[in-house]
Amino acid sequence: MVVPEDRTVMLRRYRLADGTADEFVAWWRARILPLRAAAGFRVDWAYLDRENETFTWMVSYPGGRADFEAAEDTYSSSPERAAAIAVAPPLRDASVGYPERVV
């Protein structure tokens, strides 16, 4: 999927705890996906790599990086997100960044 240039994207990659892929995807679909949409974000894609137990997804928001970061701060501090994170399956680690489009 090509993201319009008037949106800022964040790439999120999680290394899942052993054996939690199905649980994680079910939790993410039920809890995180609707919260992101309600906060004005769009999840552009998400992929599960079972062999390497990784989950990678891209989320975007209209405007520049400052707009994204302001919306992210509001989203991250919401009680709804706190409730979702409280029941999240464990991760081994996570990396989050703002990728640069090269093609």
PDB file of N, CA and C in Angstrom:
ATOM      1  N   MET A   1       0.843  -1.173   0.000  1.00  0.00           N
ATOM      2  CA  MET A   1       0.000   0.000   0.000  1.00  0.00           C
ATOM      3  C   MET A   1       0.886   1.233   0.000  1.00  0.00           C
ATOM      4  N   VAL A   2       0.563   2.179  -0.834  1.00  0.00           N
ATOM      5  CA  VAL A   2       1.286   3.443  -0.868  1.00  0.00           C
ATOM      6  C   VAL A   2       0.526   4.431   0.000  1.00  0.00           C
ATOM      7  N   VAL A   3       1.239   5.064   0.903  1.00  0.00           N
ATOM      8  CA  VAL A   3       0.627   6.028   1.811  1.00  0.00           C
ATOM      9  C   VAL A   3       0.733   7.415   1.185  1.00  0.00           C
ATOM     10  N   PRO A   4      -0.364   8.177   1.137  1.00  0.00           N
ATOM     11  CA  PRO A   4      -0.290   9.532   0.595  1.00  0.00           C
ATOM     12  C   PRO A   4       0.744  10.366   1.345  1.00  0.00           C
ATOM     13  N   GLU A   5       1.332  11.301   0.632  1.00  0.00           N
ATOM     14  CA  GLU A   5       2.407  12.099   1.218  1.00  0.00           C
ATOM     15  C   GLU A   5       1.923  13.071   2.284  1.00  0.00           C
ATOM     16  N   ASP A   6       0.612  13.248   2.421  1.00  0.00           N
ATOM     17  CA  ASP A   6       0.097  14.161   3.442  1.00  0.00           C
ATOM     18  C   ASP A   6      -0.152  13.447   4.770  1.00  0.00           C
ATOM     19  N   ARG A   7       0.426  12.262   4.928  1.00  0.00           N
ATOM     20  CA  ARG A   7       0.295  11.480   6.159  1.00  0.00           C
ATOM     21  C   ARG A   7       1.686  11.156   6.679  1.00  0.00           C
ATOM     22  N   THR A   8       1.798  11.040   7.984  1.00  0.00           N
ATOM     23  CA  THR A   8       3.037  10.592   8.611  1.00  0.00           C
ATOM     24  C   THR A   8       2.842   9.147   9.030  1.00  0.00           C
ATOM     25  N   VAL A   9       3.870   8.336   8.818  1.00  0.00           N
ATOM     26  CA  VAL A   9       3.767   6.921   9.157  1.00  0.00           C
ATOM     27  C   VAL A   9       4.730   6.552  10.277  1.00  0.00           C
ATOM     28  N   MET A  10       4.294   5.581  11.059  1.00  0.00           N
ATOM     29  CA  MET A  10       5.126   4.983  12.098  1.00  0.00           C
ATOM     30  C   MET A  10       5.160   3.488  11.809  1.00  0.00           C
ATOM     31  N   LEU A  11       6.357   2.937  11.865  1.00  0.00           N
ATOM     32  CA  LEU A  11       6.535   1.507  11.680  1.00  0.00           C
ATOM     33  C   LEU A  11       6.809   0.889  13.039  1.00  0.00           C
ATOM     34  N   ARG A  12       6.040  -0.146  13.376  1.00  0.00           N
ATOM     35  CA  ARG A  12       6.152  -0.797  14.680  1.00  0.00           C
ATOM     36  C   ARG A  12       6.448  -2.275  14.454  1.00  0.00           C
ATOM     37  N   ARG A  13       7.473  -2.773  15.127  1.00  0.00           N
ATOM     38  CA  ARG A  13       7.851  -4.183  14.987  1.00  0.00           C
ATOM     39  C   ARG A  13       8.021  -4.785  16.370  1.00  0.00           C
ATOM     40  N   TYR A  14       7.333  -5.894  16.592  1.00  0.00           N
ATOM     41  CA  TYR A  14       7.355  -6.558  17.892  1.00  0.00           C
ATOM     42  C   TYR A  14       7.914  -7.971  17.737  1.00  0.00           C
ATOM     43  N   ARG A  15       8.804  -8.338  18.620  1.00  0.00           N
ATOM     44  CA  ARG A  15       9.216  -9.742  18.735  1.00  0.00           C
ATOM     45  C   ARG A  15       8.337 -10.346  19.818  1.00  0.00           C
ATOM     46  N   LEU A  16       7.531 -11.305  19.413  1.00  0.00           N
ATOM     47  CA  LEU A  16       6.532 -11.881  20.308  1.00  0.00           C
ATOM     48  C   LEU A  16       7.153 -12.913  21.238  1.00  0.00           C
ATOM     49  N   ALA A  17       6.569 -13.037  22.409  1.00  0.00           N
ATOM     50  CA  ALA A  17       6.978 -14.106  23.324  1.00  0.00           C
ATOM     51  C   ALA A  17       6.656 -15.446  22.669  1.00  0.00           C
ATOM     52  N   ASP A  18       7.464 -16.436  22.960  1.00  0.00           N
ATOM     53  CA  ASP A  18       7.298 -17.762  22.357  1.00  0.00           C
ATOM     54  C   ASP A  18       5.866 -18.277  22.500  1.00  0.00           C
ATOM     55  N   GLY A  19       5.317 -18.719  21.366  1.00  0.00           N
ATOM     56  CA  GLY A  19       4.011 -19.361  21.378  1.00  0.00           C
ATOM     57  C   GLY A  19       2.812 -18.453  21.572  1.00  0.00           C
ATOM     58  N   THR A  20       2.984 -17.139  21.437  1.00  0.00           N
ATOM     59  CA  THR A  20       1.873 -16.215  21.699  1.00  0.00           C
ATOM     60  C   THR A  20       1.310 -15.557  20.441  1.00  0.00           C
ATOM     61  N   ALA A  21       1.717 -15.986  19.263  1.00  0.00           N
ATOM     62  CA  ALA A  21       1.317 -15.302  18.028  1.00  0.00           C
ATOM     63  C   ALA A  21      -0.197 -15.199  17.877  1.00  0.00           C
ATOM     64  N   ASP A  22      -0.912 -16.302  18.013  1.00  0.00           N
ATOM     65  CA  ASP A  22      -2.367 -16.266  17.829  1.00  0.00           C
ATOM     66  C   ASP A  22      -3.038 -15.407  18.895  1.00  0.00           C
ATOM     67  N   GLU A  23      -2.596 -15.543  20.123  1.00  0.00           N
ATOM     68  CA  GLU A  23      -3.143 -14.732  21.213  1.00  0.00           C
ATOM     69  C   GLU A  23      -2.879 -13.249  20.963  1.00  0.00           C
ATOM     70  N   PHE A  24      -1.657 -12.927  20.525  1.00  0.00           N
ATOM     71  CA  PHE A  24      -1.309 -11.533  20.278  1.00  0.00           C
ATOM     72  C   PHE A  24      -2.161 -10.939  19.166  1.00  0.00           C
ATOM     73  N   VAL A  25      -2.271 -11.642  18.037  1.00  0.00           N
ATOM     74  CA  VAL A  25      -3.048 -11.122  16.909  1.00  0.00           C
ATOM     75  C   VAL A  25      -4.509 -10.930  17.304  1.00  0.00           C
ATOM     76  N   ALA A  26      -5.085 -11.859  18.024  1.00  0.00           N
ATOM     77  CA  ALA A  26      -6.475 -11.717  18.473  1.00  0.00           C
ATOM     78  C   ALA A  26      -6.626 -10.504  19.382  1.00  0.00           C
ATOM     79  N   TRP A  27      -5.695 -10.326  20.313  1.00  0.00           N
ATOM     80  CA  TRP A  27      -5.728  -9.166  21.212  1.00  0.00           C
ATOM     81  C   TRP A  27      -5.583  -7.875  20.421  1.00  0.00           C
ATOM     82  N   TRP A  28      -4.615  -7.821  19.519  1.00  0.00           N
ATOM     83  CA  TRP A  28      -4.347  -6.610  18.736  1.00  0.00           C
ATOM     84  C   TRP A  28      -5.564  -6.226  17.893  1.00  0.00           C
ATOM     85  N   ARG A  29      -6.171  -7.212  17.226  1.00  0.00           N
ATOM     86  CA  ARG A  29      -7.354  -6.932  16.402  1.00  0.00           C
ATOM     87  C   ARG A  29      -8.524  -6.429  17.250  1.00  0.00           C
ATOM     88  N   ALA A  30      -8.728  -7.037  18.395  1.00  0.00           N
ATOM     89  CA  ALA A  30      -9.879  -6.693  19.241  1.00  0.00           C
ATOM     90  C   ALA A  30      -9.676  -5.405  20.025  1.00  0.00           C
ATOM     91  N   ARG A  31      -8.448  -5.126  20.443  1.00  0.00           N
ATOM     92  CA  ARG A  31      -8.212  -4.011  21.360  1.00  0.00           C
ATOM     93  C   ARG A  31      -7.524  -2.812  20.709  1.00  0.00           C
ATOM     94  N   ILE A  32      -6.428  -3.029  20.013  1.00  0.00           N
ATOM     95  CA  ILE A  32      -5.622  -1.921  19.504  1.00  0.00           C
ATOM     96  C   ILE A  32      -6.190  -1.338  18.215  1.00  0.00           C
ATOM     97  N   LEU A  33      -6.562  -2.177  17.285  1.00  0.00           N
ATOM     98  CA  LEU A  33      -7.084  -1.704  16.003  1.00  0.00           C
ATOM     99  C   LEU A  33      -8.246  -0.726  16.173  1.00  0.00           C
ATOM    100  N   PRO A  34      -9.276  -1.051  16.957  1.00  0.00           N
ATOM    101  CA  PRO A  34     -10.375  -0.091  17.114  1.00  0.00           C
ATOM    102  C   PRO A  34      -9.968   1.177  17.868  1.00  0.00           C
ATOM    103  N   LEU A  35      -9.054   1.058  18.821  1.00  0.00           N
ATOM    104  CA  LEU A  35      -8.604   2.248  19.552  1.00  0.00           C
ATOM    105  C   LEU A  35      -7.847   3.197  18.639  1.00  0.00           C
ATOM    106  N   ARG A  36      -6.983   2.646  17.802  1.00  0.00           N
ATOM    107  CA  ARG A  36      -6.242   3.489  16.854  1.00  0.00           C
ATOM    108  C   ARG A  36      -7.206   4.202  15.913  1.00  0.00           C
ATOM    109  N   ALA A  37      -8.183   3.484  15.382  1.00  0.00           N
ATOM    110  CA  ALA A  37      -9.153   4.089  14.466  1.00  0.00           C
ATOM    111  C   ALA A  37      -9.937   5.197  15.161  1.00  0.00           C
ATOM    112  N   ALA A  38     -10.362   4.958  16.382  1.00  0.00           N
ATOM    113  CA  ALA A  38     -11.127   5.964  17.127  1.00  0.00           C
ATOM    114  C   ALA A  38     -10.302   7.213  17.401  1.00  0.00           C
ATOM    115  N   ALA A  39      -8.980   7.065  17.456  1.00  0.00           N
ATOM    116  CA  ALA A  39      -8.091   8.200  17.718  1.00  0.00           C
ATOM    117  C   ALA A  39      -7.676   8.912  16.430  1.00  0.00           C
ATOM    118  N   GLY A  40      -8.207   8.482  15.287  1.00  0.00           N
ATOM    119  CA  GLY A  40      -7.918   9.149  14.021  1.00  0.00           C
ATOM    120  C   GLY A  40      -6.761   8.558  13.233  1.00  0.00           C
ATOM    121  N   PHE A  41      -6.186   7.478  13.721  1.00  0.00           N
ATOM    122  CA  PHE A  41      -5.097   6.812  13.013  1.00  0.00           C
ATOM    123  C   PHE A  41      -5.666   5.842  11.985  1.00  0.00           C
ATOM    124  N   ARG A  42      -4.828   5.479  11.026  1.00  0.00           N
ATOM    125  CA  ARG A  42      -5.191   4.435  10.074  1.00  0.00           C
ATOM    126  C   ARG A  42      -4.088   3.381  10.103  1.00  0.00           C
ATOM    127  N   VAL A  43      -4.467   2.147  10.291  1.00  0.00           N
ATOM    128  CA  VAL A  43      -3.503   1.054  10.198  1.00  0.00           C
ATOM    129  C   VAL A  43      -3.444   0.670   8.723  1.00  0.00           C
ATOM    130  N   ASP A  44      -2.293   0.920   8.115  1.00  0.00           N
ATOM    131  CA  ASP A  44      -2.142   0.718   6.679  1.00  0.00           C
ATOM    132  C   ASP A  44      -1.860  -0.730   6.321  1.00  0.00           C
ATOM    133  N   TRP A  45      -1.177  -1.439   7.191  1.00  0.00           N
ATOM    134  CA  TRP A  45      -0.953  -2.869   7.007  1.00  0.00           C
ATOM    135  C   TRP A  45      -0.382  -3.458   8.279  1.00  0.00           C
ATOM    136  N   ALA A  46      -0.507  -4.771   8.375  1.00  0.00           N
ATOM    137  CA  ALA A  46       0.065  -5.515   9.499  1.00  0.00           C
ATOM    138  C   ALA A  46       0.393  -6.916   8.999  1.00  0.00           C
ATOM    139  N   TYR A  47       1.571  -7.405   9.387  1.00  0.00           N
ATOM    140  CA  TYR A  47       2.013  -8.735   8.978  1.00  0.00           C
ATOM    141  C   TYR A  47       2.527  -9.509  10.173  1.00  0.00           C
ATOM    142  N   LEU A  48       2.172 -10.773  10.211  1.00  0.00           N
ATOM    143  CA  LEU A  48       2.687 -11.699  11.211  1.00  0.00           C
ATOM    144  C   LEU A  48       3.671 -12.633  10.520  1.00  0.00           C
ATOM    145  N   ASP A  49       4.870 -12.728  11.055  1.00  0.00           N
ATOM    146  CA  ASP A  49       5.881 -13.675  10.581  1.00  0.00           C
ATOM    147  C   ASP A  49       5.978 -14.764  11.645  1.00  0.00           C
ATOM    148  N   ARG A  50       5.244 -15.839  11.444  1.00  0.00           N
ATOM    149  CA  ARG A  50       5.204 -16.914  12.449  1.00  0.00           C
ATOM    150  C   ARG A  50       6.573 -17.555  12.661  1.00  0.00           C
ATOM    151  N   GLU A  51       7.294 -17.754  11.578  1.00  0.00           N
ATOM    152  CA  GLU A  51       8.583 -18.440  11.677  1.00  0.00           C
ATOM    153  C   GLU A  51       9.543 -17.698  12.605  1.00  0.00           C
ATOM    154  N   ASN A  52       9.532 -16.375  12.535  1.00  0.00           N
ATOM    155  CA  ASN A  52      10.429 -15.568  13.364  1.00  0.00           C
ATOM    156  C   ASN A  52       9.727 -14.935  14.561  1.00  0.00           C
ATOM    157  N   GLU A  53       8.453 -15.269  14.737  1.00  0.00           N
ATOM    158  CA  GLU A  53       7.645 -14.754  15.848  1.00  0.00           C
ATOM    159  C   GLU A  53       7.733 -13.231  15.959  1.00  0.00           C
ATOM    160  N   THR A  54       7.484 -12.582  14.806  1.00  0.00           N
ATOM    161  CA  THR A  54       7.461 -11.123  14.783  1.00  0.00           C
ATOM    162  C   THR A  54       6.140 -10.634  14.205  1.00  0.00           C
ATOM    163  N   PHE A  55       5.730  -9.476  14.667  1.00  0.00           N
ATOM    164  CA  PHE A  55       4.521  -8.812  14.191  1.00  0.00           C
ATOM    165  C   PHE A  55       4.946  -7.399  13.822  1.00  0.00           C
ATOM    166  N   THR A  56       4.729  -7.027  12.564  1.00  0.00           N
ATOM    167  CA  THR A  56       5.150  -5.723  12.068  1.00  0.00           C
ATOM    168  C   THR A  56       3.943  -5.024  11.477  1.00  0.00           C
ATOM    169  N   TRP A  57       3.784  -3.746  11.831  1.00  0.00           N
ATOM    170  CA  TRP A  57       2.647  -3.017  11.292  1.00  0.00           C
ATOM    171  C   TRP A  57       2.986  -1.552  11.099  1.00  0.00           C
ATOM    172  N   MET A  58       2.221  -0.929  10.203  1.00  0.00           N
ATOM    173  CA  MET A  58       2.407   0.483   9.917  1.00  0.00           C
ATOM    174  C   MET A  58       1.111   1.222  10.223  1.00  0.00           C
ATOM    175  N   VAL A  59       1.251   2.307  10.937  1.00  0.00           N
ATOM    176  CA  VAL A  59       0.117   3.145  11.292  1.00  0.00           C
ATOM    177  C   VAL A  59       0.412   4.555  10.792  1.00  0.00           C
ATOM    178  N   SER A  60      -0.610   5.246  10.297  1.00  0.00           N
ATOM    179  CA  SER A  60      -0.400   6.596   9.781  1.00  0.00           C
ATOM    180  C   SER A  60      -1.439   7.554  10.352  1.00  0.00           C
ATOM    181  N   TYR A  61      -1.097   8.840  10.210  1.00  0.00           N
ATOM    182  CA  TYR A  61      -1.955   9.906  10.719  1.00  0.00           C
ATOM    183  C   TYR A  61      -1.826  11.096   9.770  1.00  0.00           C
ATOM    184  N   PRO A  62      -2.917  11.834   9.538  1.00  0.00           N
ATOM    185  CA  PRO A  62      -2.837  12.981   8.634  1.00  0.00           C
ATOM    186  C   PRO A  62      -1.893  14.059   9.172  1.00  0.00           C
ATOM    187  N   GLY A  63      -1.142  14.660   8.264  1.00  0.00           N
ATOM    188  CA  GLY A  63      -0.275  15.771   8.638  1.00  0.00           C
ATOM    189  C   GLY A  63       1.169  15.353   8.819  1.00  0.00           C
ATOM    190  N   GLY A  64       1.928  16.257   9.420  1.00  0.00           N
ATOM    191  CA  GLY A  64       3.352  16.034   9.630  1.00  0.00           C
ATOM    192  C   GLY A  64       3.639  15.267  10.906  1.00  0.00           C
ATOM    193  N   ARG A  65       4.931  15.139  11.167  1.00  0.00           N
ATOM    194  CA  ARG A  65       5.348  14.359  12.335  1.00  0.00           C
ATOM    195  C   ARG A  65       4.849  14.968  13.641  1.00  0.00           C
ATOM    196  N   ALA A  66       4.840  16.288  13.738  1.00  0.00           N
ATOM    197  CA  ALA A  66       4.344  16.931  14.963  1.00  0.00           C
ATOM    198  C   ALA A  66       2.875  16.593  15.191  1.00  0.00           C
ATOM    199  N   ASP A  67       2.096  16.537  14.108  1.00  0.00           N
ATOM    200  CA  ASP A  67       0.684  16.156  14.221  1.00  0.00           C
ATOM    201  C   ASP A  67       0.559  14.714  14.713  1.00  0.00           C
ATOM    202  N   PHE A  68       1.377  13.834  14.129  1.00  0.00           N
ATOM    203  CA  PHE A  68       1.355  12.431  14.544  1.00  0.00           C
ATOM    204  C   PHE A  68       1.722  12.320  16.016  1.00  0.00           C
ATOM    205  N   GLU A  69       2.796  12.978  16.416  1.00  0.00           N
ATOM    206  CA  GLU A  69       3.263  12.866  17.801  1.00  0.00           C
ATOM    207  C   GLU A  69       2.242  13.408  18.799  1.00  0.00           C
ATOM    208  N   ALA A  70       1.547  14.490  18.446  1.00  0.00           N
ATOM    209  CA  ALA A  70       0.512  15.027  19.333  1.00  0.00           C
ATOM    210  C   ALA A  70      -0.629  14.018  19.485  1.00  0.00           C
ATOM    211  N   ALA A  71      -1.056  13.433  18.365  1.00  0.00           N
ATOM    212  CA  ALA A  71      -2.123  12.428  18.417  1.00  0.00           C
ATOM    213  C   ALA A  71      -1.653  11.183  19.167  1.00  0.00           C
ATOM    214  N   GLU A  72      -0.390  10.806  18.980  1.00  0.00           N
ATOM    215  CA  GLU A  72       0.171   9.633  19.660  1.00  0.00           C
ATOM    216  C   GLU A  72       0.213   9.856  21.169  1.00  0.00           C
ATOM    217  N   ASP A  73       0.581  11.064  21.589  1.00  0.00           N
ATOM    218  CA  ASP A  73       0.605  11.379  23.025  1.00  0.00           C
ATOM    219  C   ASP A  73      -0.790  11.256  23.637  1.00  0.00           C
ATOM    220  N   THR A  74      -1.791  11.792  22.929  1.00  0.00           N
ATOM    221  CA  THR A  74      -3.170  11.707  23.412  1.00  0.00           C
ATOM    222  C   THR A  74      -3.619  10.250  23.483  1.00  0.00           C
ATOM    223  N   TYR A  75      -3.364   9.510  22.423  1.00  0.00           N
ATOM    224  CA  TYR A  75      -3.721   8.089  22.374  1.00  0.00           C
ATOM    225  C   TYR A  75      -3.017   7.310  23.482  1.00  0.00           C
ATOM    226  N   SER A  76      -1.721   7.523  23.625  1.00  0.00           N
ATOM    227  CA  SER A  76      -0.921   6.757  24.590  1.00  0.00           C
ATOM    228  C   SER A  76      -1.332   7.001  26.031  1.00  0.00           C
ATOM    229  N   SER A  77      -1.865   8.179  26.311  1.00  0.00           N
ATOM    230  CA  SER A  77      -2.247   8.504  27.690  1.00  0.00           C
ATOM    231  C   SER A  77      -3.723   8.238  27.981  1.00  0.00           C
ATOM    232  N   SER A  78      -4.435   7.663  27.021  1.00  0.00           N
ATOM    233  CA  SER A  78      -5.867   7.424  27.226  1.00  0.00           C
ATOM    234  C   SER A  78      -6.100   6.245  28.169  1.00  0.00           C
ATOM    235  N   PRO A  79      -7.152   6.307  28.973  1.00  0.00           N
ATOM    236  CA  PRO A  79      -7.475   5.181  29.855  1.00  0.00           C
ATOM    237  C   PRO A  79      -7.852   3.921  29.071  1.00  0.00           C
ATOM    238  N   GLU A  80      -8.415   4.093  27.886  1.00  0.00           N
ATOM    239  CA  GLU A  80      -8.779   2.937  27.062  1.00  0.00           C
ATOM    240  C   GLU A  80      -7.526   2.171  26.616  1.00  0.00           C
ATOM    241  N   ARG A  81      -6.495   2.908  26.237  1.00  0.00           N
ATOM    242  CA  ARG A  81      -5.250   2.242  25.844  1.00  0.00           C
ATOM    243  C   ARG A  81      -4.604   1.572  27.052  1.00  0.00           C
ATOM    244  N   ALA A  82      -4.620   2.245  28.190  1.00  0.00           N
ATOM    245  CA  ALA A  82      -4.051   1.646  29.406  1.00  0.00           C
ATOM    246  C   ALA A  82      -4.749   0.327  29.729  1.00  0.00           C
ATOM    247  N   ALA A  83      -6.067   0.299  29.570  1.00  0.00           N
ATOM    248  CA  ALA A  83      -6.821  -0.930  29.837  1.00  0.00           C
ATOM    249  C   ALA A  83      -6.443  -2.026  28.844  1.00  0.00           C
ATOM    250  N   ALA A  84      -6.235  -1.652  27.584  1.00  0.00           N
ATOM    251  CA  ALA A  84      -5.845  -2.639  26.573  1.00  0.00           C
ATOM    252  C   ALA A  84      -4.448  -3.180  26.848  1.00  0.00           C
ATOM    253  N   ILE A  85      -3.524  -2.304  27.184  1.00  0.00           N
ATOM    254  CA  ILE A  85      -2.141  -2.718  27.441  1.00  0.00           C
ATOM    255  C   ILE A  85      -2.067  -3.601  28.685  1.00  0.00           C
ATOM    256  N   ALA A  86      -2.937  -3.364  29.640  1.00  0.00           N
ATOM    257  CA  ALA A  86      -2.929  -4.150  30.884  1.00  0.00           C
ATOM    258  C   ALA A  86      -3.181  -5.634  30.635  1.00  0.00           C
ATOM    259  N   VAL A  87      -3.849  -5.957  29.542  1.00  0.00           N
ATOM    260  CA  VAL A  87      -4.153  -7.363  29.247  1.00  0.00           C
ATOM    261  C   VAL A  87      -3.419  -7.862  27.997  1.00  0.00           C
ATOM    262  N   ALA A  88      -2.386  -7.134  27.587  1.00  0.00           N
ATOM    263  CA  ALA A  88      -1.630  -7.498  26.386  1.00  0.00           C
ATOM    264  C   ALA A  88      -0.768  -8.728  26.612  1.00  0.00           C
ATOM    265  N   PRO A  89      -0.673  -9.584  25.610  1.00  0.00           N
ATOM    266  CA  PRO A  89       0.289 -10.687  25.694  1.00  0.00           C
ATOM    267  C   PRO A  89       1.710 -10.115  25.779  1.00  0.00           C
ATOM    268  N   PRO A  90       2.627 -10.837  26.388  1.00  0.00           N
ATOM    269  CA  PRO A  90       3.985 -10.311  26.555  1.00  0.00           C
ATOM    270  C   PRO A  90       4.751 -10.248  25.233  1.00  0.00           C
ATOM    271  N   LEU A  91       5.674  -9.288  25.165  1.00  0.00           N
ATOM    272  CA  LEU A  91       6.586  -9.148  24.027  1.00  0.00           C
ATOM    273  C   LEU A  91       8.010  -9.406  24.501  1.00  0.00           C
ATOM    274  N   ARG A  92       8.846  -9.901  23.593  1.00  0.00           N
ATOM    275  CA  ARG A  92      10.275  -9.995  23.911  1.00  0.00           C
ATOM    276  C   ARG A  92      10.917  -8.624  23.773  1.00  0.00           C
ATOM    277  N   ASP A  93      10.543  -7.890  22.732  1.00  0.00           N
ATOM    278  CA  ASP A  93      10.980  -6.505  22.581  1.00  0.00           C
ATOM    279  C   ASP A  93      10.192  -5.850  21.464  1.00  0.00           C
ATOM    280  N   ALA A  94      10.379  -4.547  21.341  1.00  0.00           N
ATOM    281  CA  ALA A  94       9.662  -3.774  20.330  1.00  0.00           C
ATOM    282  C   ALA A  94      10.586  -2.704  19.773  1.00  0.00           C
ATOM    283  N   SER A  95      10.386  -2.383  18.504  1.00  0.00           N
ATOM    284  CA  SER A  95      11.068  -1.231  17.919  1.00  0.00           C
ATOM    285  C   SER A  95      10.023  -0.399  17.195  1.00  0.00           C
ATOM    286  N   VAL A  96      10.174   0.901  17.332  1.00  0.00           N
ATOM    287  CA  VAL A  96       9.210   1.841  16.776  1.00  0.00           C
ATOM    288  C   VAL A  96       9.994   2.964  16.122  1.00  0.00           C
ATOM    289  N   GLY A  97       9.578   3.375  14.929  1.00  0.00           N
ATOM    290  CA  GLY A  97      10.275   4.471  14.274  1.00  0.00           C
ATOM    291  C   GLY A  97       9.452   5.081  13.162  1.00  0.00           C
ATOM    292  N   TYR A  98       9.960   6.190  12.662  1.00  0.00           N
ATOM    293  CA  TYR A  98       9.342   6.906  11.553  1.00  0.00           C
ATOM    294  C   TYR A  98      10.188   6.635  10.311  1.00  0.00           C
ATOM    295  N   PRO A  99       9.760   5.716   9.455  1.00  0.00           N
ATOM    296  CA  PRO A  99      10.579   5.355   8.303  1.00  0.00           C
ATOM    297  C   PRO A  99      10.598   6.461   7.250  1.00  0.00           C
ATOM    298  N   GLU A 100      11.653   6.451   6.490  1.00  0.00           N
ATOM    299  CA  GLU A 100      11.808   7.386   5.380  1.00  0.00           C
ATOM    300  C   GLU A 100      11.481   6.656   4.086  1.00  0.00           C
ATOM    301  N   ARG A 101      10.591   7.234   3.313  1.00  0.00           N
ATOM    302  CA  ARG A 101      10.200   6.607   2.047  1.00  0.00           C
ATOM    303  C   ARG A 101      11.335   6.766   1.031  1.00  0.00           C
ATOM    304  N   VAL A 102      11.705   5.673   0.393  1.00  0.00           N
ATOM    305  CA  VAL A 102      12.793   5.721  -0.581  1.00  0.00           C
ATOM    306  C   VAL A 102      12.357   5.333  -1.996  1.00  0.00           C
ATOM    307  N   VAL A 103      11.179   4.776  -2.151  1.00  0.00           N
ATOM    308  CA  VAL A 103      10.659   4.438  -3.483  1.00  0.00           C
ATOM    309  C   VAL A 103       9.266   4.987  -3.603  1.00  0.00           C
TER     310      VAL A 103
END
